[in-house]
Amino acid sequence: MSEETPGFDEKPEVPADGTPDDAAEPKAAASSKEEAAAPAGDSAAAQDVALLAQLDQARTALGERTADLQRLQAEYQNYRRRVERDRIAVKEIAVASLLTELLPTLDDIGRAREHGELVGGFKSVAESLETAAAKMGLQQFGKEGEPFDPTIHEALMHSYAPDVTEDTCVAILQPGYRIGERTIRPARVAVAEPQPGAAPKSEAAEAGSPSDPSDPSDKDADAADNG
């Protein structure tokens, strides 16, 4: 057995790398903290990426929902316009049908007025009916002397006249009626055409002027002067 040498303390054992155990412990702790901090940083970055992906998805969904809403709003506006247009068309058709049924009565009133028979209570009722029809948009048209228009006139009689230069309504046999731009009955008229071979008014006036040597009146005046 070896005997301990008095006066010398026993030295602690030193690791092979020369670092005491007490100094190695803080390094180990720091290393463990770094290892713990590294996964935490990676986790935060992964969360940021996930949040950005969710944000992009939310923006895409918002754009799609906004486009759907705009499309639905446009369809609704078109539907409202279509319904309003159909409502107006149905109203116009109903009013036109009603007023068409009243046209014979209005014709009778017009004939009675022409013959002086629109008097007394009948006159008051007739005028009230005409006023109500006018308020509903009924308009009468057709006058003597206006050019013949086949889109609004119906020719019942035809003749030739030397004093017209185009097809002209010379008599209104039955007035026409319209509602706005819609004709519900054309005016029934007698039409006169220019006489075949007849010279227009302007040429006839020039032919009958005093400077024309063929004018009979000029010949008579010359004979009187010679006599």
Foldseek 3Di string as FASTA:
>chain_A
DDDDDPPDDDDDDADPVRDRPVVVVVVVVVVVVVVVVVVVVVVVVVVVVVVVVVVVVVVVVVVVVVVVVVVVVVVVVVVVVVVVVVVVVVVVVVLLVVVVVCQVVLQVVVVCVVVVNLDDPNVVVSVVVVVVNVVSQKDWDDDFFAADDVVQEDEPAEEEDQQDAAWTFHAFPGIWIARPPGTSGHTYGHIYGYDVPRDYPVVVVVCCDLVNPPHVVVVVVVVVVVD
